[in-house]
Amino acid sequence: MPRIAGVNIPENKQILIALTYIYGIGLPLARKILNEAKINPTLRAKDLTGDEINRLKEIIEKNYKIEGELRREVMMAIKRLRDIGAFRGIRHIKGLPVRGQRTRTNTRTVRGNIRKTVGSGRKLPPAPT
């Protein structure tokens, strides 16, 4: 199992898809990295040679923020918004959608599965008699 940037890459997937398992690398960036490294994107991760893996590691570590460094940067940005009391920071604190989505409906994942109208929502199982 190849290991790039501290992440185990799945062996049986194409390297284009396998690179997306690294936090901070999506499909467009994975394509760009593979073009730069001159590696066929349809190759399976297990079929890569040691030289190709080293080229990938080198390109990724030199040019891109990934994994821990990127997570830390995102957390610091959110912390800054919270500390200065910005609207977005307050939304983060309350656990509500931050980017302008409506909250009257369609926020079940954020607010929890709370349904306030009668007849909707989950039915409780019948109580044993």
N, C-alpha and C. Protein backbone atom coordinates (compact mmCIF):
# COMPACT_ATOMS: atom_id res chain seq x y z
N MET A 1 0.84 -1.18 0.00
CA MET A 1 0.00 0.00 0.00
C MET A 1 0.89 1.25 0.00
N PRO A 2 0.90 2.02 -1.09
CA PRO A 2 1.74 3.23 -1.14
C PRO A 2 1.33 4.24 -0.07
N ARG A 3 2.30 4.95 0.46
CA ARG A 3 2.04 5.93 1.49
C ARG A 3 2.58 7.28 1.03
N ILE A 4 1.68 8.23 0.85
CA ILE A 4 2.06 9.57 0.40
C ILE A 4 1.52 10.58 1.40
N ALA A 5 2.39 11.45 1.88
CA ALA A 5 2.02 12.52 2.81
C ALA A 5 1.35 11.97 4.06
N GLY A 6 1.79 10.81 4.53
CA GLY A 6 1.24 10.24 5.76
C GLY A 6 -0.10 9.57 5.59
N VAL A 7 -0.54 9.37 4.36
CA VAL A 7 -1.84 8.74 4.09
C VAL A 7 -1.62 7.48 3.28
N ASN A 8 -2.25 6.39 3.71
CA ASN A 8 -2.19 5.15 2.94
C ASN A 8 -3.11 5.27 1.74
N ILE A 9 -2.55 5.13 0.56
CA ILE A 9 -3.32 5.23 -0.68
C ILE A 9 -3.90 3.85 -0.99
N PRO A 10 -5.21 3.75 -1.31
CA PRO A 10 -5.77 2.44 -1.65
C PRO A 10 -5.13 1.86 -2.91
N GLU A 11 -4.78 0.58 -2.85
CA GLU A 11 -4.02 -0.05 -3.93
C GLU A 11 -4.84 -0.32 -5.18
N ASN A 12 -6.09 -0.71 -5.02
CA ASN A 12 -6.86 -1.19 -6.16
C ASN A 12 -7.61 -0.10 -6.91
N LYS A 13 -7.36 1.14 -6.59
CA LYS A 13 -8.01 2.24 -7.30
C LYS A 13 -7.02 2.89 -8.26
N GLN A 14 -7.56 3.55 -9.29
CA GLN A 14 -6.70 4.29 -10.19
C GLN A 14 -6.01 5.40 -9.40
N ILE A 15 -4.81 5.72 -9.77
CA ILE A 15 -4.02 6.69 -9.01
C ILE A 15 -4.69 8.07 -9.00
N LEU A 16 -5.43 8.39 -10.06
CA LEU A 16 -6.16 9.66 -10.10
C LEU A 16 -7.16 9.74 -8.94
N ILE A 17 -7.89 8.68 -8.69
CA ILE A 17 -8.87 8.63 -7.61
C ILE A 17 -8.18 8.44 -6.27
N ALA A 18 -7.14 7.63 -6.24
CA ALA A 18 -6.45 7.33 -4.98
C ALA A 18 -5.83 8.59 -4.37
N LEU A 19 -5.35 9.51 -5.20
CA LEU A 19 -4.75 10.74 -4.68
C LEU A 19 -5.77 11.61 -3.95
N THR A 20 -7.06 11.47 -4.29
CA THR A 20 -8.08 12.29 -3.64
C THR A 20 -8.33 11.86 -2.20
N TYR A 21 -7.75 10.75 -1.76
CA TYR A 21 -7.86 10.33 -0.37
C TYR A 21 -7.00 11.22 0.54
N ILE A 22 -6.14 12.02 -0.04
CA ILE A 22 -5.31 12.95 0.72
C ILE A 22 -6.11 14.23 0.91
N TYR A 23 -6.23 14.70 2.15
CA TYR A 23 -6.98 15.92 2.45
C TYR A 23 -6.33 17.10 1.75
N GLY A 24 -7.11 17.80 0.95
CA GLY A 24 -6.59 18.96 0.22
C GLY A 24 -6.33 18.69 -1.24
N ILE A 25 -6.51 17.44 -1.68
CA ILE A 25 -6.33 17.11 -3.09
C ILE A 25 -7.65 16.58 -3.64
N GLY A 26 -8.20 17.30 -4.60
CA GLY A 26 -9.42 16.87 -5.28
C GLY A 26 -9.06 16.35 -6.67
N LEU A 27 -10.08 16.09 -7.47
CA LEU A 27 -9.83 15.56 -8.81
C LEU A 27 -9.04 16.52 -9.70
N PRO A 28 -9.39 17.81 -9.77
CA PRO A 28 -8.62 18.70 -10.65
C PRO A 28 -7.14 18.79 -10.26
N LEU A 29 -6.88 18.90 -8.95
CA LEU A 29 -5.49 18.99 -8.50
C LEU A 29 -4.76 17.66 -8.72
N ALA A 30 -5.45 16.54 -8.54
CA ALA A 30 -4.84 15.23 -8.79
C ALA A 30 -4.42 15.11 -10.25
N ARG A 31 -5.30 15.57 -11.17
CA ARG A 31 -4.95 15.55 -12.60
C ARG A 31 -3.71 16.39 -12.87
N LYS A 32 -3.67 17.58 -12.27
CA LYS A 32 -2.54 18.50 -12.46
C LYS A 32 -1.24 17.87 -11.95
N ILE A 33 -1.30 17.24 -10.79
CA ILE A 33 -0.11 16.61 -10.20
C ILE A 33 0.38 15.47 -11.09
N LEU A 34 -0.55 14.64 -11.58
CA LEU A 34 -0.16 13.51 -12.42
C LEU A 34 0.42 13.97 -13.76
N ASN A 35 -0.12 15.06 -14.32
CA ASN A 35 0.46 15.60 -15.55
C ASN A 35 1.88 16.10 -15.31
N GLU A 36 2.07 16.76 -14.18
CA GLU A 36 3.39 17.29 -13.83
C GLU A 36 4.40 16.16 -13.61
N ALA A 37 3.93 15.06 -13.01
CA ALA A 37 4.81 13.92 -12.73
C ALA A 37 4.93 12.98 -13.93
N LYS A 38 4.15 13.25 -14.99
CA LYS A 38 4.14 12.42 -16.19
C LYS A 38 3.80 10.96 -15.87
N ILE A 39 2.67 10.78 -15.14
CA ILE A 39 2.19 9.46 -14.78
C ILE A 39 0.81 9.27 -15.39
N ASN A 40 0.55 8.10 -15.94
CA ASN A 40 -0.74 7.79 -16.54
C ASN A 40 -1.80 7.75 -15.44
N PRO A 41 -2.87 8.55 -15.53
CA PRO A 41 -3.88 8.59 -14.47
C PRO A 41 -4.70 7.31 -14.34
N THR A 42 -4.69 6.45 -15.36
CA THR A 42 -5.48 5.22 -15.28
C THR A 42 -4.72 4.06 -14.64
N LEU A 43 -3.45 4.26 -14.31
CA LEU A 43 -2.68 3.22 -13.64
C LEU A 43 -3.25 2.95 -12.25
N ARG A 44 -3.21 1.71 -11.83
CA ARG A 44 -3.60 1.37 -10.46
C ARG A 44 -2.47 1.77 -9.52
N ALA A 45 -2.82 2.12 -8.29
CA ALA A 45 -1.82 2.57 -7.32
C ALA A 45 -0.79 1.48 -7.04
N LYS A 46 -1.23 0.21 -7.06
CA LYS A 46 -0.29 -0.88 -6.76
C LYS A 46 0.73 -1.09 -7.88
N ASP A 47 0.43 -0.59 -9.09
CA ASP A 47 1.33 -0.77 -10.22
C ASP A 47 2.39 0.32 -10.35
N LEU A 48 2.37 1.31 -9.46
CA LEU A 48 3.36 2.39 -9.52
C LEU A 48 4.73 1.87 -9.10
N THR A 49 5.76 2.37 -9.75
CA THR A 49 7.12 2.02 -9.36
C THR A 49 7.56 2.92 -8.22
N GLY A 50 8.63 2.56 -7.57
CA GLY A 50 9.17 3.38 -6.48
C GLY A 50 9.54 4.77 -6.93
N ASP A 51 10.08 4.86 -8.15
CA ASP A 51 10.48 6.15 -8.70
C ASP A 51 9.27 7.07 -8.90
N GLU A 52 8.18 6.49 -9.40
CA GLU A 52 6.96 7.28 -9.63
C GLU A 52 6.36 7.77 -8.31
N ILE A 53 6.37 6.91 -7.30
CA ILE A 53 5.86 7.30 -5.98
C ILE A 53 6.70 8.43 -5.41
N ASN A 54 8.02 8.34 -5.57
CA ASN A 54 8.90 9.39 -5.06
C ASN A 54 8.65 10.71 -5.78
N ARG A 55 8.42 10.65 -7.11
CA ARG A 55 8.12 11.88 -7.85
C ARG A 55 6.84 12.52 -7.35
N LEU A 56 5.82 11.69 -7.10
CA LEU A 56 4.55 12.20 -6.58
C LEU A 56 4.74 12.85 -5.21
N LYS A 57 5.46 12.15 -4.32
CA LYS A 57 5.71 12.69 -2.98
C LYS A 57 6.40 14.04 -3.06
N GLU A 58 7.42 14.10 -3.89
CA GLU A 58 8.22 15.32 -4.02
C GLU A 58 7.37 16.49 -4.52
N ILE A 59 6.57 16.26 -5.55
CA ILE A 59 5.74 17.32 -6.12
C ILE A 59 4.71 17.80 -5.09
N ILE A 60 4.07 16.85 -4.42
CA ILE A 60 3.01 17.20 -3.47
C ILE A 60 3.59 17.95 -2.27
N GLU A 61 4.68 17.47 -1.71
CA GLU A 61 5.23 18.09 -0.50
C GLU A 61 5.83 19.46 -0.78
N LYS A 62 6.41 19.66 -1.96
CA LYS A 62 7.03 20.94 -2.27
C LYS A 62 6.01 22.03 -2.60
N ASN A 63 4.96 21.67 -3.36
CA ASN A 63 4.13 22.70 -3.96
C ASN A 63 2.77 22.92 -3.32
N TYR A 64 2.28 22.00 -2.48
CA TYR A 64 0.90 22.10 -2.02
C TYR A 64 0.79 21.96 -0.52
N LYS A 65 -0.18 22.67 0.06
CA LYS A 65 -0.52 22.50 1.47
C LYS A 65 -1.53 21.38 1.55
N ILE A 66 -1.23 20.37 2.34
CA ILE A 66 -2.13 19.23 2.47
C ILE A 66 -2.17 18.76 3.91
N GLU A 67 -3.09 17.87 4.20
CA GLU A 67 -3.25 17.21 5.49
C GLU A 67 -3.13 18.16 6.68
N GLY A 68 -2.22 17.92 7.59
CA GLY A 68 -2.15 18.65 8.86
C GLY A 68 -2.01 20.15 8.70
N GLU A 69 -1.14 20.56 7.81
CA GLU A 69 -0.89 21.99 7.60
C GLU A 69 -2.16 22.70 7.11
N LEU A 70 -2.87 22.08 6.17
CA LEU A 70 -4.09 22.67 5.63
C LEU A 70 -5.21 22.67 6.67
N ARG A 71 -5.36 21.57 7.41
CA ARG A 71 -6.37 21.51 8.47
C ARG A 71 -6.12 22.60 9.52
N ARG A 72 -4.87 22.78 9.88
CA ARG A 72 -4.50 23.80 10.87
C ARG A 72 -4.86 25.19 10.36
N GLU A 73 -4.57 25.44 9.09
CA GLU A 73 -4.87 26.74 8.49
C GLU A 73 -6.37 27.02 8.49
N VAL A 74 -7.17 26.00 8.14
CA VAL A 74 -8.62 26.16 8.12
C VAL A 74 -9.14 26.42 9.54
N MET A 75 -8.64 25.67 10.52
CA MET A 75 -9.07 25.85 11.91
C MET A 75 -8.71 27.24 12.42
N MET A 76 -7.54 27.74 12.03
CA MET A 76 -7.13 29.08 12.46
C MET A 76 -8.01 30.15 11.84
N ALA A 77 -8.43 29.95 10.59
CA ALA A 77 -9.32 30.91 9.94
C ALA A 77 -10.67 30.95 10.64
N ILE A 78 -11.20 29.78 11.01
CA ILE A 78 -12.48 29.72 11.72
C ILE A 78 -12.34 30.34 13.11
N LYS A 79 -11.24 30.06 13.78
CA LYS A 79 -11.00 30.62 15.12
C LYS A 79 -10.92 32.14 15.06
N ARG A 80 -10.28 32.67 14.02
CA ARG A 80 -10.18 34.12 13.85
C ARG A 80 -11.57 34.73 13.69
N LEU A 81 -12.42 34.11 12.88
CA LEU A 81 -13.78 34.61 12.69
C LEU A 81 -14.57 34.59 13.99
N ARG A 82 -14.39 33.53 14.78
CA ARG A 82 -15.07 33.44 16.07
C ARG A 82 -14.59 34.54 17.01
N ASP A 83 -13.28 34.73 17.07
CA ASP A 83 -12.70 35.69 18.01
C ASP A 83 -13.11 37.12 17.72
N ILE A 84 -13.20 37.50 16.44
CA ILE A 84 -13.55 38.88 16.13
C ILE A 84 -15.06 39.11 16.14
N GLY A 85 -15.84 38.02 16.32
CA GLY A 85 -17.29 38.15 16.41
C GLY A 85 -17.97 38.40 15.09
N ALA A 86 -17.36 37.95 14.01
CA ALA A 86 -17.95 38.12 12.69
C ALA A 86 -19.21 37.25 12.57
N PHE A 87 -20.08 37.63 11.66
CA PHE A 87 -21.32 36.88 11.45
C PHE A 87 -21.02 35.42 11.17
N ARG A 88 -20.07 35.16 10.28
CA ARG A 88 -19.71 33.78 9.96
C ARG A 88 -19.19 33.04 11.17
N GLY A 89 -18.43 33.72 12.03
CA GLY A 89 -17.92 33.11 13.25
C GLY A 89 -19.04 32.73 14.20
N ILE A 90 -20.04 33.58 14.30
CA ILE A 90 -21.19 33.30 15.17
C ILE A 90 -21.96 32.09 14.64
N ARG A 91 -22.10 32.00 13.31
CA ARG A 91 -22.77 30.85 12.72
C ARG A 91 -22.00 29.56 13.02
N HIS A 92 -20.66 29.63 12.99
CA HIS A 92 -19.85 28.46 13.33
C HIS A 92 -20.09 28.08 14.79
N ILE A 93 -20.11 29.05 15.68
CA ILE A 93 -20.31 28.77 17.10
C ILE A 93 -21.66 28.10 17.34
N LYS A 94 -22.71 28.60 16.68
CA LYS A 94 -24.06 28.06 16.87
C LYS A 94 -24.27 26.74 16.14
N GLY A 95 -23.37 26.41 15.23
CA GLY A 95 -23.51 25.17 14.47
C GLY A 95 -24.57 25.27 13.39
N LEU A 96 -24.72 26.45 12.81
CA LEU A 96 -25.70 26.68 11.74
C LEU A 96 -24.98 26.83 10.41
N PRO A 97 -25.71 26.77 9.28
CA PRO A 97 -25.06 26.95 7.99
C PRO A 97 -24.40 28.33 7.90
N VAL A 98 -23.21 28.37 7.35
CA VAL A 98 -22.40 29.59 7.34
C VAL A 98 -22.54 30.36 6.04
N ARG A 99 -22.82 29.70 4.95
CA ARG A 99 -22.71 30.33 3.64
C ARG A 99 -24.04 30.79 3.04
N GLY A 100 -24.95 31.24 3.88
CA GLY A 100 -26.15 31.87 3.37
C GLY A 100 -27.29 30.95 3.00
N GLN A 101 -27.19 29.67 3.34
CA GLN A 101 -28.29 28.77 3.03
C GLN A 101 -29.49 29.09 3.90
N ARG A 102 -30.68 28.76 3.43
CA ARG A 102 -31.89 29.01 4.21
C ARG A 102 -31.96 28.03 5.36
N THR A 103 -32.55 28.46 6.47
CA THR A 103 -32.62 27.59 7.64
C THR A 103 -34.05 27.27 8.04
N ARG A 104 -35.03 27.87 7.39
CA ARG A 104 -36.41 27.55 7.73
C ARG A 104 -36.69 26.08 7.39
N THR A 105 -36.13 25.64 6.27
CA THR A 105 -36.20 24.22 5.91
C THR A 105 -34.81 23.84 5.42
N ASN A 106 -34.60 22.57 5.17
CA ASN A 106 -33.38 22.07 4.52
C ASN A 106 -32.11 22.15 5.36
N THR A 107 -32.20 22.20 6.67
CA THR A 107 -30.96 22.15 7.46
C THR A 107 -31.01 21.00 8.45
N ARG A 108 -31.61 19.91 8.03
CA ARG A 108 -31.75 18.77 8.94
C ARG A 108 -30.40 18.24 9.42
N THR A 109 -29.41 18.22 8.56
CA THR A 109 -28.13 17.66 8.98
C THR A 109 -27.44 18.55 10.00
N VAL A 110 -27.62 19.85 9.90
CA VAL A 110 -26.94 20.76 10.82
C VAL A 110 -27.69 20.86 12.13
N ARG A 111 -29.03 21.03 12.06
CA ARG A 111 -29.81 21.26 13.27
C ARG A 111 -30.23 19.98 13.95
N GLY A 112 -30.04 18.86 13.31
CA GLY A 112 -30.54 17.60 13.84
C GLY A 112 -31.90 17.34 13.24
N ASN A 113 -32.41 16.16 13.40
CA ASN A 113 -33.67 15.78 12.77
C ASN A 113 -34.84 16.24 13.65
N ILE A 114 -34.98 17.55 13.82
CA ILE A 114 -36.03 18.11 14.66
C ILE A 114 -37.18 18.53 13.77
N ARG A 115 -38.36 17.94 13.96
CA ARG A 115 -39.54 18.30 13.19
C ARG A 115 -40.60 18.75 14.16
N LYS A 116 -41.08 19.96 13.96
CA LYS A 116 -41.96 20.55 14.96
C LYS A 116 -43.43 20.49 14.60
N THR A 117 -43.80 20.14 13.37
CA THR A 117 -45.21 20.08 13.02
C THR A 117 -45.80 18.74 13.41
N VAL A 118 -47.09 18.74 13.69
CA VAL A 118 -47.76 17.51 14.10
C VAL A 118 -47.90 16.61 12.88
N GLY A 119 -47.64 15.34 13.06
CA GLY A 119 -47.83 14.39 11.99
C GLY A 119 -46.61 14.17 11.13
N SER A 120 -45.56 14.94 11.34
CA SER A 120 -44.35 14.69 10.57
C SER A 120 -43.27 14.19 11.50
N GLY A 121 -42.25 13.70 10.96
CA GLY A 121 -41.15 13.21 11.76
C GLY A 121 -41.33 11.74 12.10
N ARG A 122 -40.49 11.26 12.98
CA ARG A 122 -40.52 9.85 13.30
C ARG A 122 -41.67 9.52 14.22
N LYS A 123 -42.21 8.35 14.04
CA LYS A 123 -43.25 7.85 14.92
C LYS A 123 -42.58 7.03 16.02
N LEU A 124 -43.01 7.22 17.25
CA LEU A 124 -42.45 6.46 18.36
C LEU A 124 -43.01 5.03 18.30
N PRO A 125 -42.20 4.06 18.68
CA PRO A 125 -42.72 2.68 18.69
C PRO A 125 -43.82 2.55 19.74
N PRO A 126 -44.79 1.66 19.50
CA PRO A 126 -45.88 1.52 20.49
C PRO A 126 -45.33 1.01 21.81
N ALA A 127 -45.85 1.56 22.90
CA ALA A 127 -45.39 1.17 24.23
C ALA A 127 -45.93 -0.22 24.57
N PRO A 128 -45.13 -1.04 25.21
CA PRO A 128 -45.62 -2.38 25.60
C PRO A 128 -46.69 -2.27 26.67
N THR A 129 -47.71 -3.12 26.60
CA THR A 129 -48.80 -3.05 27.57
C THR A 129 -48.66 -4.06 28.67
